PDB file of N, CA and C in Angstrom:
ATOM      1  N   MET A   1     128.838 -11.587-136.773  1.00  0.00           N
ATOM      2  CA  MET A   1     128.802 -12.501-137.944  1.00  0.00           C
ATOM      3  C   MET A   1     127.357 -13.306-137.589  1.00  0.00           C
ATOM      4  N   HIS A   2     126.624 -13.933-138.568  1.00  0.00           N
ATOM      5  CA  HIS A   2     125.691 -14.774-138.217  1.00  0.00           C
ATOM      6  C   HIS A   2     126.165 -15.956-137.957  1.00  0.00           C
ATOM      7  N   PRO A   3     125.417 -16.791-137.107  1.00  0.00           N
ATOM      8  CA  PRO A   3     125.872 -18.214-136.701  1.00  0.00           C
ATOM      9  C   PRO A   3     125.917 -19.163-137.810  1.00  0.00           C
ATOM     10  N   PHE A   4     125.131 -19.067-138.707  1.00  0.00           N
ATOM     11  CA  PHE A   4     125.024 -19.729-139.859  1.00  0.00           C
ATOM     12  C   PHE A   4     126.433 -19.888-140.731  1.00  0.00           C
ATOM     13  N   LEU A   5     126.935 -18.324-140.691  1.00  0.00           N
ATOM     14  CA  LEU A   5     128.224 -18.151-141.791  1.00  0.00           C
ATOM     15  C   LEU A   5     129.076 -18.771-141.012  1.00  0.00           C
ATOM     16  N   ALA A   6     129.168 -18.710-139.465  1.00  0.00           N
ATOM     17  CA  ALA A   6     130.202 -19.165-138.435  1.00  0.00           C
ATOM     18  C   ALA A   6     130.434 -20.677-138.557  1.00  0.00           C
ATOM     19  N   HIS A   7     128.976 -21.393-138.934  1.00  0.00           N
ATOM     20  CA  HIS A   7     128.793 -22.743-139.082  1.00  0.00           C
ATOM     21  C   HIS A   7     129.886 -22.942-140.378  1.00  0.00           C
ATOM     22  N   LEU A   8     129.598 -22.714-141.281  1.00  0.00           N
ATOM     23  CA  LEU A   8     130.252 -22.882-142.891  1.00  0.00           C
ATOM     24  C   LEU A   8     131.763 -22.664-142.672  1.00  0.00           C
ATOM     25  N   ILE A   9     131.913 -21.484-142.004  1.00  0.00           N
ATOM     26  CA  ILE A   9     133.386 -21.234-141.793  1.00  0.00           C
ATOM     27  C   ILE A   9     134.237 -22.364-140.927  1.00  0.00           C
ATOM     28  N   GLY A  10     133.563 -22.568-140.003  1.00  0.00           N
ATOM     29  CA  GLY A  10     134.159 -23.766-138.862  1.00  0.00           C
ATOM     30  C   GLY A  10     134.161 -25.312-139.302  1.00  0.00           C
ATOM     31  N   ASP A  11     132.979 -25.621-140.364  1.00  0.00           N
ATOM     32  CA  ASP A  11     132.820 -26.931-140.797  1.00  0.00           C
ATOM     33  C   ASP A  11     133.284 -27.098-142.039  1.00  0.00           C
ATOM     34  N   PHE A  12     133.595 -26.012-142.929  1.00  0.00           N
ATOM     35  CA  PHE A  12     134.114 -26.429-144.108  1.00  0.00           C
ATOM     36  C   PHE A  12     135.540 -25.837-144.395  1.00  0.00           C
ATOM     37  N   ILE A  13     135.976 -24.552-143.842  1.00  0.00           N
ATOM     38  CA  ILE A  13     137.343 -23.950-144.231  1.00  0.00           C
ATOM     39  C   ILE A  13     138.255 -24.103-143.159  1.00  0.00           C
ATOM     40  N   LEU A  14     137.866 -24.667-141.808  1.00  0.00           N
ATOM     41  CA  LEU A  14     138.661 -24.796-140.921  1.00  0.00           C
ATOM     42  C   LEU A  14     138.977 -26.159-140.543  1.00  0.00           C
ATOM     43  N   GLN A  15     138.298 -26.953-141.158  1.00  0.00           N
ATOM     44  CA  GLN A  15     138.371 -28.395-141.031  1.00  0.00           C
ATOM     45  C   GLN A  15     139.075 -28.893-142.186  1.00  0.00           C
ATOM     46  N   ASN A  16     140.361 -29.751-141.780  1.00  0.00           N
ATOM     47  CA  ASN A  16     141.354 -30.027-142.806  1.00  0.00           C
ATOM     48  C   ASN A  16     140.871 -31.929-143.193  1.00  0.00           C
ATOM     49  N   GLU A  17     141.709 -32.434-143.980  1.00  0.00           N
ATOM     50  CA  GLU A  17     141.506 -33.677-144.622  1.00  0.00           C
ATOM     51  C   GLU A  17     141.768 -34.645-143.238  1.00  0.00           C
ATOM     52  N   TRP A  18     142.600 -34.517-142.231  1.00  0.00           N
ATOM     53  CA  TRP A  18     142.452 -35.221-141.216  1.00  0.00           C
ATOM     54  C   TRP A  18     141.522 -35.408-140.523  1.00  0.00           C
ATOM     55  N   MET A  19     141.136 -34.360-139.972  1.00  0.00           N
ATOM     56  CA  MET A  19     139.892 -34.281-139.131  1.00  0.00           C
ATOM     57  C   MET A  19     138.816 -34.895-140.061  1.00  0.00           C
ATOM     58  N   ALA A  20     138.442 -34.455-141.320  1.00  0.00           N
ATOM     59  CA  ALA A  20     137.242 -34.821-142.047  1.00  0.00           C
ATOM     60  C   ALA A  20     137.321 -36.464-142.122  1.00  0.00           C
ATOM     61  N   THR A  21     138.550 -37.050-142.075  1.00  0.00           N
ATOM     62  CA  THR A  21     138.708 -38.374-142.498  1.00  0.00           C
ATOM     63  C   THR A  21     138.827 -39.304-141.119  1.00  0.00           C
ATOM     64  N   ASN A  22     138.964 -38.685-139.992  1.00  0.00           N
ATOM     65  CA  ASN A  22     139.579 -39.294-138.525  1.00  0.00           C
ATOM     66  C   ASN A  22     138.290 -39.200-137.479  1.00  0.00           C
ATOM     67  N   LYS A  23     137.418 -38.150-137.860  1.00  0.00           N
ATOM     68  CA  LYS A  23     136.677 -37.797-136.601  1.00  0.00           C
ATOM     69  C   LYS A  23     135.455 -38.807-136.356  1.00  0.00           C
ATOM     70  N   LYS A  24     135.021 -39.865-137.189  1.00  0.00           N
ATOM     71  CA  LYS A  24     134.314 -40.741-136.784  1.00  0.00           C
ATOM     72  C   LYS A  24     134.843 -41.681-136.206  1.00  0.00           C
ATOM     73  N   GLN A  25     136.079 -41.802-136.456  1.00  0.00           N
ATOM     74  CA  GLN A  25     137.222 -43.210-135.567  1.00  0.00           C
ATOM     75  C   GLN A  25     137.894 -42.645-134.438  1.00  0.00           C
ATOM     76  N   SER A  26     137.879 -41.149-134.466  1.00  0.00           N
ATOM     77  CA  SER A  26     138.920 -40.650-133.159  1.00  0.00           C
ATOM     78  C   SER A  26     138.383 -39.848-132.477  1.00  0.00           C
ATOM     79  N   SER A  27     137.899 -39.718-131.081  1.00  0.00           N
ATOM     80  CA  SER A  27     137.507 -38.868-130.243  1.00  0.00           C
ATOM     81  C   SER A  27     138.860 -37.611-130.834  1.00  0.00           C
ATOM     82  N   ILE A  28     140.087 -37.750-130.672  1.00  0.00           N
ATOM     83  CA  ILE A  28     141.045 -36.604-130.774  1.00  0.00           C
ATOM     84  C   ILE A  28     140.389 -35.929-131.675  1.00  0.00           C
ATOM     85  N   ALA A  29     140.621 -36.418-132.872  1.00  0.00           N
ATOM     86  CA  ALA A  29     140.179 -35.743-134.103  1.00  0.00           C
ATOM     87  C   ALA A  29     139.001 -35.020-134.420  1.00  0.00           C
ATOM     88  N   CYS A  30     138.185 -35.776-133.683  1.00  0.00           N
ATOM     89  CA  CYS A  30     136.692 -34.991-133.446  1.00  0.00           C
ATOM     90  C   CYS A  30     136.762 -33.735-132.590  1.00  0.00           C
ATOM     91  N   LEU A  31     137.519 -34.100-131.552  1.00  0.00           N
ATOM     92  CA  LEU A  31     137.521 -32.698-130.433  1.00  0.00           C
ATOM     93  C   LEU A  31     138.186 -31.690-130.969  1.00  0.00           C
ATOM     94  N   VAL A  32     139.418 -32.026-131.845  1.00  0.00           N
ATOM     95  CA  VAL A  32     140.305 -30.827-132.385  1.00  0.00           C
ATOM     96  C   VAL A  32     139.173 -30.384-133.696  1.00  0.00           C
ATOM     97  N   HIS A  33     138.612 -30.934-134.373  1.00  0.00           N
ATOM     98  CA  HIS A  33     137.573 -30.172-135.166  1.00  0.00           C
ATOM     99  C   HIS A  33     136.636 -29.525-134.558  1.00  0.00           C
ATOM    100  N   ALA A  34     136.065 -29.939-133.192  1.00  0.00           N
ATOM    101  CA  ALA A  34     135.053 -29.187-132.613  1.00  0.00           C
ATOM    102  C   ALA A  34     135.257 -27.959-132.094  1.00  0.00           C
ATOM    103  N   LEU A  35     136.598 -27.643-131.750  1.00  0.00           N
ATOM    104  CA  LEU A  35     137.143 -26.798-130.750  1.00  0.00           C
ATOM    105  C   LEU A  35     137.615 -25.550-132.139  1.00  0.00           C
ATOM    106  N   LEU A  36     138.212 -26.200-132.969  1.00  0.00           N
ATOM    107  CA  LEU A  36     138.528 -25.095-133.918  1.00  0.00           C
ATOM    108  C   LEU A  36     137.237 -24.816-134.918  1.00  0.00           C
ATOM    109  N   TYR A  37     136.309 -25.505-134.924  1.00  0.00           N
ATOM    110  CA  TYR A  37     134.786 -25.221-135.406  1.00  0.00           C
ATOM    111  C   TYR A  37     134.423 -24.111-134.599  1.00  0.00           C
ATOM    112  N   LEU A  38     134.445 -23.792-133.408  1.00  0.00           N
ATOM    113  CA  LEU A  38     133.686 -22.885-132.672  1.00  0.00           C
ATOM    114  C   LEU A  38     134.515 -21.547-132.708  1.00  0.00           C
ATOM    115  N   ILE A  39     135.794 -21.393-133.082  1.00  0.00           N
ATOM    116  CA  ILE A  39     136.288 -20.113-133.263  1.00  0.00           C
ATOM    117  C   ILE A  39     135.561 -18.884-133.798  1.00  0.00           C
ATOM    118  N   PRO A  40     134.886 -19.107-135.130  1.00  0.00           N
ATOM    119  CA  PRO A  40     134.304 -18.342-135.589  1.00  0.00           C
ATOM    120  C   PRO A  40     132.944 -17.926-135.009  1.00  0.00           C
ATOM    121  N   PHE A  41     132.540 -18.706-134.107  1.00  0.00           N
ATOM    122  CA  PHE A  41     131.172 -18.399-133.277  1.00  0.00           C
ATOM    123  C   PHE A  41     131.527 -17.280-132.291  1.00  0.00           C
ATOM    124  N   LEU A  42     132.892 -17.234-131.824  1.00  0.00           N
ATOM    125  CA  LEU A  42     133.244 -16.147-130.814  1.00  0.00           C
ATOM    126  C   LEU A  42     132.882 -14.353-131.372  1.00  0.00           C
ATOM    127  N   LEU A  43     132.878 -14.525-132.986  1.00  0.00           N
ATOM    128  CA  LEU A  43     132.638 -13.572-133.690  1.00  0.00           C
ATOM    129  C   LEU A  43     131.172 -13.298-133.688  1.00  0.00           C
ATOM    130  N   CYS A  44     130.231 -13.828-133.161  1.00  0.00           N
ATOM    131  CA  CYS A  44     128.869 -14.115-133.316  1.00  0.00           C
ATOM    132  C   CYS A  44     128.220 -13.428-131.967  1.00  0.00           C
ATOM    133  N   ASP A  45     126.996 -12.954-131.932  1.00  0.00           N
ATOM    134  CA  ASP A  45     126.305 -12.396-130.792  1.00  0.00           C
ATOM    135  C   ASP A  45     125.766 -13.339-129.984  1.00  0.00           C
ATOM    136  N   LEU A  46     126.556 -14.370-129.560  1.00  0.00           N
ATOM    137  CA  LEU A  46     125.724 -15.342-128.772  1.00  0.00           C
ATOM    138  C   LEU A  46     126.612 -15.577-127.404  1.00  0.00           C
ATOM    139  N   GLN A  47     125.661 -16.023-126.271  1.00  0.00           N
ATOM    140  CA  GLN A  47     126.152 -16.140-124.822  1.00  0.00           C
ATOM    141  C   GLN A  47     127.138 -17.505-125.169  1.00  0.00           C
ATOM    142  N   TRP A  48     128.196 -17.541-123.902  1.00  0.00           N
ATOM    143  CA  TRP A  48     129.114 -18.717-123.924  1.00  0.00           C
ATOM    144  C   TRP A  48     128.161 -19.795-123.620  1.00  0.00           C
ATOM    145  N   TRP A  49     127.234 -19.831-123.065  1.00  0.00           N
ATOM    146  CA  TRP A  49     126.373 -21.199-123.213  1.00  0.00           C
ATOM    147  C   TRP A  49     125.785 -21.769-124.634  1.00  0.00           C
ATOM    148  N   GLN A  50     125.498 -20.868-125.257  1.00  0.00           N
ATOM    149  CA  GLN A  50     125.279 -21.131-126.519  1.00  0.00           C
ATOM    150  C   GLN A  50     126.172 -21.436-127.434  1.00  0.00           C
ATOM    151  N   ILE A  51     127.402 -20.994-127.448  1.00  0.00           N
ATOM    152  CA  ILE A  51     128.552 -21.575-127.801  1.00  0.00           C
ATOM    153  C   ILE A  51     128.744 -23.062-127.327  1.00  0.00           C
ATOM    154  N   ALA A  52     128.854 -23.080-126.198  1.00  0.00           N
ATOM    155  CA  ALA A  52     128.953 -24.418-125.436  1.00  0.00           C
ATOM    156  C   ALA A  52     127.736 -25.502-126.079  1.00  0.00           C
ATOM    157  N   LEU A  53     126.923 -25.104-126.064  1.00  0.00           N
ATOM    158  CA  LEU A  53     125.929 -26.003-126.627  1.00  0.00           C
ATOM    159  C   LEU A  53     126.054 -26.470-128.091  1.00  0.00           C
ATOM    160  N   ILE A  54     126.160 -25.430-129.092  1.00  0.00           N
ATOM    161  CA  ILE A  54     126.663 -25.705-130.267  1.00  0.00           C
ATOM    162  C   ILE A  54     127.907 -26.858-130.581  1.00  0.00           C
ATOM    163  N   GLY A  55     129.022 -26.441-129.700  1.00  0.00           N
ATOM    164  CA  GLY A  55     129.874 -27.242-129.741  1.00  0.00           C
ATOM    165  C   GLY A  55     129.537 -28.741-129.341  1.00  0.00           C
ATOM    166  N   MET A  56     129.058 -28.879-128.587  1.00  0.00           N
ATOM    167  CA  MET A  56     128.546 -30.203-127.745  1.00  0.00           C
ATOM    168  C   MET A  56     128.138 -30.896-129.022  1.00  0.00           C
ATOM    169  N   GLN A  57     126.929 -30.252-129.236  1.00  0.00           N
ATOM    170  CA  GLN A  57     126.215 -30.814-130.310  1.00  0.00           C
ATOM    171  C   GLN A  57     126.929 -31.396-131.542  1.00  0.00           C
ATOM    172  N   HIS A  58     127.734 -30.727-131.916  1.00  0.00           N
ATOM    173  CA  HIS A  58     128.637 -30.670-133.253  1.00  0.00           C
ATOM    174  C   HIS A  58     129.679 -31.888-132.965  1.00  0.00           C
ATOM    175  N   PHE A  59     130.173 -32.105-131.585  1.00  0.00           N
ATOM    176  CA  PHE A  59     130.937 -33.187-131.347  1.00  0.00           C
ATOM    177  C   PHE A  59     130.212 -34.369-131.668  1.00  0.00           C
ATOM    178  N   VAL A  60     128.983 -34.707-130.646  1.00  0.00           N
ATOM    179  CA  VAL A  60     128.404 -35.822-130.458  1.00  0.00           C
ATOM    180  C   VAL A  60     127.680 -36.253-131.756  1.00  0.00           C
ATOM    181  N   GLN A  61     127.108 -35.200-132.688  1.00  0.00           N
ATOM    182  CA  GLN A  61     126.613 -35.456-134.038  1.00  0.00           C
ATOM    183  C   GLN A  61     128.039 -36.136-135.075  1.00  0.00           C
ATOM    184  N   ASP A  62     128.889 -35.406-134.963  1.00  0.00           N
ATOM    185  CA  ASP A  62     130.152 -36.070-135.919  1.00  0.00           C
ATOM    186  C   ASP A  62     130.725 -37.014-135.559  1.00  0.00           C
ATOM    187  N   ARG A  63     130.785 -37.370-134.184  1.00  0.00           N
ATOM    188  CA  ARG A  63     131.670 -38.418-133.732  1.00  0.00           C
ATOM    189  C   ARG A  63     130.973 -39.709-133.959  1.00  0.00           C
ATOM    190  N   SER A  64     129.408 -39.696-133.515  1.00  0.00           N
ATOM    191  CA  SER A  64     128.536 -40.606-133.724  1.00  0.00           C
ATOM    192  C   SER A  64     128.026 -40.800-135.140  1.00  0.00           C
ATOM    193  N   GLY A  65     127.602 -42.127-135.273  1.00  0.00           N
ATOM    194  CA  GLY A  65     126.707 -42.409-136.537  1.00  0.00           C
ATOM    195  C   GLY A  65     125.487 -41.968-136.755  1.00  0.00           C
ATOM    196  N   PHE A  66     125.201 -40.643-136.152  1.00  0.00           N
ATOM    197  CA  PHE A  66     123.747 -40.575-136.129  1.00  0.00           C
ATOM    198  C   PHE A  66     123.033 -40.015-137.516  1.00  0.00           C
ATOM    199  N   VAL A  67     124.119 -39.523-138.393  1.00  0.00           N
ATOM    200  CA  VAL A  67     123.502 -39.274-139.675  1.00  0.00           C
ATOM    201  C   VAL A  67     122.934 -40.302-140.450  1.00  0.00           C
ATOM    202  N   LEU A  68     123.984 -41.368-140.557  1.00  0.00           N
ATOM    203  CA  LEU A  68     123.816 -42.451-141.183  1.00  0.00           C
ATOM    204  C   LEU A  68     122.609 -43.177-140.651  1.00  0.00           C
ATOM    205  N   TRP A  69     122.765 -43.349-139.185  1.00  0.00           N
ATOM    206  CA  TRP A  69     121.487 -44.117-138.744  1.00  0.00           C
ATOM    207  C   TRP A  69     120.348 -43.346-139.147  1.00  0.00           C
ATOM    208  N   TRP A  70     119.802 -42.185-139.123  1.00  0.00           N
ATOM    209  CA  TRP A  70     118.580 -41.348-139.817  1.00  0.00           C
ATOM    210  C   TRP A  70     118.405 -41.905-141.032  1.00  0.00           C
ATOM    211  N   MET A  71     119.458 -41.757-141.816  1.00  0.00           N
ATOM    212  CA  MET A  71     119.295 -42.108-143.270  1.00  0.00           C
ATOM    213  C   MET A  71     118.657 -43.445-143.482  1.00  0.00           C
ATOM    214  N   ARG A  72     119.274 -44.623-142.522  1.00  0.00           N
ATOM    215  CA  ARG A  72     118.655 -45.729-142.767  1.00  0.00           C
ATOM    216  C   ARG A  72     117.335 -46.012-142.229  1.00  0.00           C
ATOM    217  N   VAL A  73     117.069 -45.528-140.783  1.00  0.00           N
ATOM    218  CA  VAL A  73     115.819 -45.595-140.001  1.00  0.00           C
ATOM    219  C   VAL A  73     114.826 -44.785-140.900  1.00  0.00           C
ATOM    220  N   TRP A  74     115.050 -43.724-140.746  1.00  0.00           N
ATOM    221  CA  TRP A  74     113.835 -42.641-141.046  1.00  0.00           C
ATOM    222  C   TRP A  74     113.647 -42.437-142.631  1.00  0.00           C
ATOM    223  N   LYS A  75     114.872 -42.172-143.151  1.00  0.00           N
ATOM    224  CA  LYS A  75     114.705 -42.158-144.732  1.00  0.00           C
ATOM    225  C   LYS A  75     114.713 -43.093-145.593  1.00  0.00           C
ATOM    226  N   ARG A  76     114.959 -44.094-144.873  1.00  0.00           N
ATOM    227  CA  ARG A  76     115.054 -45.771-145.306  1.00  0.00           C
ATOM    228  C   ARG A  76     115.928 -45.422-146.719  1.00  0.00           C
ATOM    229  N   ALA A  77     117.089 -44.613-146.789  1.00  0.00           N
ATOM    230  CA  ALA A  77     118.014 -44.443-148.054  1.00  0.00           C
ATOM    231  C   ALA A  77     119.019 -45.432-147.775  1.00  0.00           C
ATOM    232  N   HIS A  78     119.974 -45.612-148.742  1.00  0.00           N
ATOM    233  CA  HIS A  78     121.218 -46.405-148.489  1.00  0.00           C
ATOM    234  C   HIS A  78     122.077 -45.354-148.644  1.00  0.00           C
ATOM    235  N   PRO A  79     123.121 -45.042-147.847  1.00  0.00           N
ATOM    236  CA  PRO A  79     123.697 -43.737-147.719  1.00  0.00           C
ATOM    237  C   PRO A  79     125.141 -44.271-148.908  1.00  0.00           C
ATOM    238  N   GLU A  80     125.235 -45.358-149.250  1.00  0.00           N
ATOM    239  CA  GLU A  80     126.210 -45.779-150.428  1.00  0.00           C
ATOM    240  C   GLU A  80     125.752 -45.582-151.795  1.00  0.00           C
ATOM    241  N   ASN A  81     124.223 -45.294-151.827  1.00  0.00           N
ATOM    242  CA  ASN A  81     123.502 -44.847-153.244  1.00  0.00           C
ATOM    243  C   ASN A  81     123.264 -43.258-153.392  1.00  0.00           C
ATOM    244  N   TRP A  82     123.693 -42.268-152.191  1.00  0.00           N
ATOM    245  CA  TRP A  82     123.415 -41.092-152.420  1.00  0.00           C
ATOM    246  C   TRP A  82     124.756 -40.381-151.981  1.00  0.00           C
ATOM    247  N   LYS A  83     125.473 -40.264-152.909  1.00  0.00           N
ATOM    248  CA  LYS A  83     126.663 -39.678-152.232  1.00  0.00           C
ATOM    249  C   LYS A  83     126.469 -38.229-151.634  1.00  0.00           C
ATOM    250  N   GLU A  84     126.004 -37.198-151.869  1.00  0.00           N
ATOM    251  CA  GLU A  84     125.919 -35.904-151.420  1.00  0.00           C
ATOM    252  C   GLU A  84     124.707 -35.955-150.366  1.00  0.00           C
ATOM    253  N   LEU A  85     124.114 -36.713-150.095  1.00  0.00           N
ATOM    254  CA  LEU A  85     122.855 -36.929-149.307  1.00  0.00           C
ATOM    255  C   LEU A  85     123.300 -36.798-147.590  1.00  0.00           C
ATOM    256  N   PRO A  86     124.243 -37.850-147.330  1.00  0.00           N
ATOM    257  CA  PRO A  86     124.864 -37.709-146.028  1.00  0.00           C
ATOM    258  C   PRO A  86     125.446 -36.294-145.853  1.00  0.00           C
ATOM    259  N   LEU A  87     125.746 -35.776-146.705  1.00  0.00           N
ATOM    260  CA  LEU A  87     126.563 -34.128-146.162  1.00  0.00           C
ATOM    261  C   LEU A  87     125.248 -33.511-145.980  1.00  0.00           C
ATOM    262  N   TYR A  88     123.985 -33.422-146.949  1.00  0.00           N
ATOM    263  CA  TYR A  88     123.142 -32.580-146.756  1.00  0.00           C
ATOM    264  C   TYR A  88     122.304 -32.740-145.448  1.00  0.00           C
ATOM    265  N   VAL A  89     121.889 -34.147-145.055  1.00  0.00           N
ATOM    266  CA  VAL A  89     121.437 -34.108-143.979  1.00  0.00           C
ATOM    267  C   VAL A  89     122.466 -33.862-142.598  1.00  0.00           C
ATOM    268  N   ASP A  90     123.527 -34.170-142.670  1.00  0.00           N
ATOM    269  CA  ASP A  90     124.599 -33.453-141.735  1.00  0.00           C
ATOM    270  C   ASP A  90     124.306 -32.204-141.386  1.00  0.00           C
ATOM    271  N   GLN A  91     124.710 -31.402-142.749  1.00  0.00           N
ATOM    272  CA  GLN A  91     124.362 -30.102-142.528  1.00  0.00           C
ATOM    273  C   GLN A  91     123.102 -29.652-142.222  1.00  0.00           C
ATOM    274  N   ALA A  92     122.069 -29.990-142.362  1.00  0.00           N
ATOM    275  CA  ALA A  92     120.786 -29.866-142.065  1.00  0.00           C
ATOM    276  C   ALA A  92     120.685 -29.986-140.395  1.00  0.00           C
ATOM    277  N   PHE A  93     120.798 -31.039-139.878  1.00  0.00           N
ATOM    278  CA  PHE A  93     120.889 -31.227-138.342  1.00  0.00           C
ATOM    279  C   PHE A  93     121.795 -30.182-137.813  1.00  0.00           C
ATOM    280  N   HIS A  94     122.764 -29.806-138.401  1.00  0.00           N
ATOM    281  CA  HIS A  94     123.695 -28.769-137.363  1.00  0.00           C
ATOM    282  C   HIS A  94     122.879 -27.310-137.575  1.00  0.00           C
ATOM    283  N   LEU A  95     122.386 -26.971-138.596  1.00  0.00           N
ATOM    284  CA  LEU A  95     121.728 -25.647-138.985  1.00  0.00           C
ATOM    285  C   LEU A  95     120.522 -25.858-138.305  1.00  0.00           C
ATOM    286  N   VAL A  96     119.666 -26.481-137.810  1.00  0.00           N
ATOM    287  CA  VAL A  96     118.293 -26.684-137.076  1.00  0.00           C
ATOM    288  C   VAL A  96     118.800 -26.774-135.565  1.00  0.00           C
ATOM    289  N   TRP A  97     119.949 -27.143-135.160  1.00  0.00           N
ATOM    290  CA  TRP A  97     120.347 -27.020-133.960  1.00  0.00           C
ATOM    291  C   TRP A  97     120.856 -25.673-133.655  1.00  0.00           C
ATOM    292  N   ILE A  98     121.567 -25.194-134.349  1.00  0.00           N
ATOM    293  CA  ILE A  98     121.905 -23.741-134.426  1.00  0.00           C
ATOM    294  C   ILE A  98     120.874 -22.714-133.905  1.00  0.00           C
ATOM    295  N   GLN A  99     119.510 -23.060-134.805  1.00  0.00           N
ATOM    296  CA  GLN A  99     118.651 -22.308-134.729  1.00  0.00           C
ATOM    297  C   GLN A  99     117.935 -22.461-133.398  1.00  0.00           C
ATOM    298  N   ILE A 100     117.950 -23.711-132.867  1.00  0.00           N
ATOM    299  CA  ILE A 100     117.278 -23.875-131.803  1.00  0.00           C
ATOM    300  C   ILE A 100     117.771 -23.190-130.581  1.00  0.00           C
ATOM    301  N   VAL A 101     119.055 -23.163-130.733  1.00  0.00           N
ATOM    302  CA  VAL A 101     120.307 -22.264-129.641  1.00  0.00           C
ATOM    303  C   VAL A 101     119.788 -20.861-129.773  1.00  0.00           C
ATOM    304  N   ILE A 102     119.753 -20.413-131.106  1.00  0.00           N
ATOM    305  CA  ILE A 102     119.594 -19.019-131.251  1.00  0.00           C
ATOM    306  C   ILE A 102     118.539 -18.513-130.759  1.00  0.00           C
ATOM    307  N   TRP A 103     117.016 -19.573-130.784  1.00  0.00           N
ATOM    308  CA  TRP A 103     115.718 -19.082-130.204  1.00  0.00           C
ATOM    309  C   TRP A 103     115.892 -19.342-128.389  1.00  0.00           C
ATOM    310  N   LEU A 104     116.537 -20.248-127.993  1.00  0.00           N
ATOM    311  CA  LEU A 104     116.806 -20.382-126.596  1.00  0.00           C
ATOM    312  C   LEU A 104     117.229 -19.241-125.978  1.00  0.00           C
ATOM    313  N   GLY A 105     118.368 -18.577-126.741  1.00  0.00           N
ATOM    314  CA  GLY A 105     119.040 -17.246-126.145  1.00  0.00           C
ATOM    315  C   GLY A 105     117.918 -16.049-126.196  1.00  0.00           C
ATOM    316  N   ALA A 106     116.851 -16.276-127.092  1.00  0.00           N
ATOM    317  CA  ALA A 106     115.991 -15.282-127.067  1.00  0.00           C
ATOM    318  C   ALA A 106     114.781 -15.223-125.739  1.00  0.00           C
ATOM    319  N   VAL A 107     114.837 -16.400-125.551  1.00  0.00           N
ATOM    320  CA  VAL A 107     113.707 -16.358-124.657  1.00  0.00           C
ATOM    321  C   VAL A 107     113.840 -15.664-123.315  1.00  0.00           C
TER     322      VAL A 107
END
C-alpha cells in the first residue's frame, strides 16, 4: 500500500467523531487517533522507525494548534473565514512529512 493511501485511510476512515472533536483538547483522544491512524501504515513498505516518525508527527500536529498558527502567522488568513482551508493545510503538512520520511528511508 502506498503511504499516502494509508494516510487517507487512517485520518479519514478510522477516525471517528469523538477523536475528531476531542483530539485538540485531549491527549488521550489524540493518542487513540494517532495509534489507529498508524494501522494502515503496517501494510506499507516502511521501516518501523518511519512508521514511528509518521505517528509522532501526526500526534504533535493534531494535538497542537500548529495549523491554525500557520494560517494566522504565515498565510495571514483567518480560519473562521475559510471553512475548508484548515483541513487542506493540515493534510498538506501531513503529506509533506510522510514524503520526507519516505525520502529518509531511501538514503
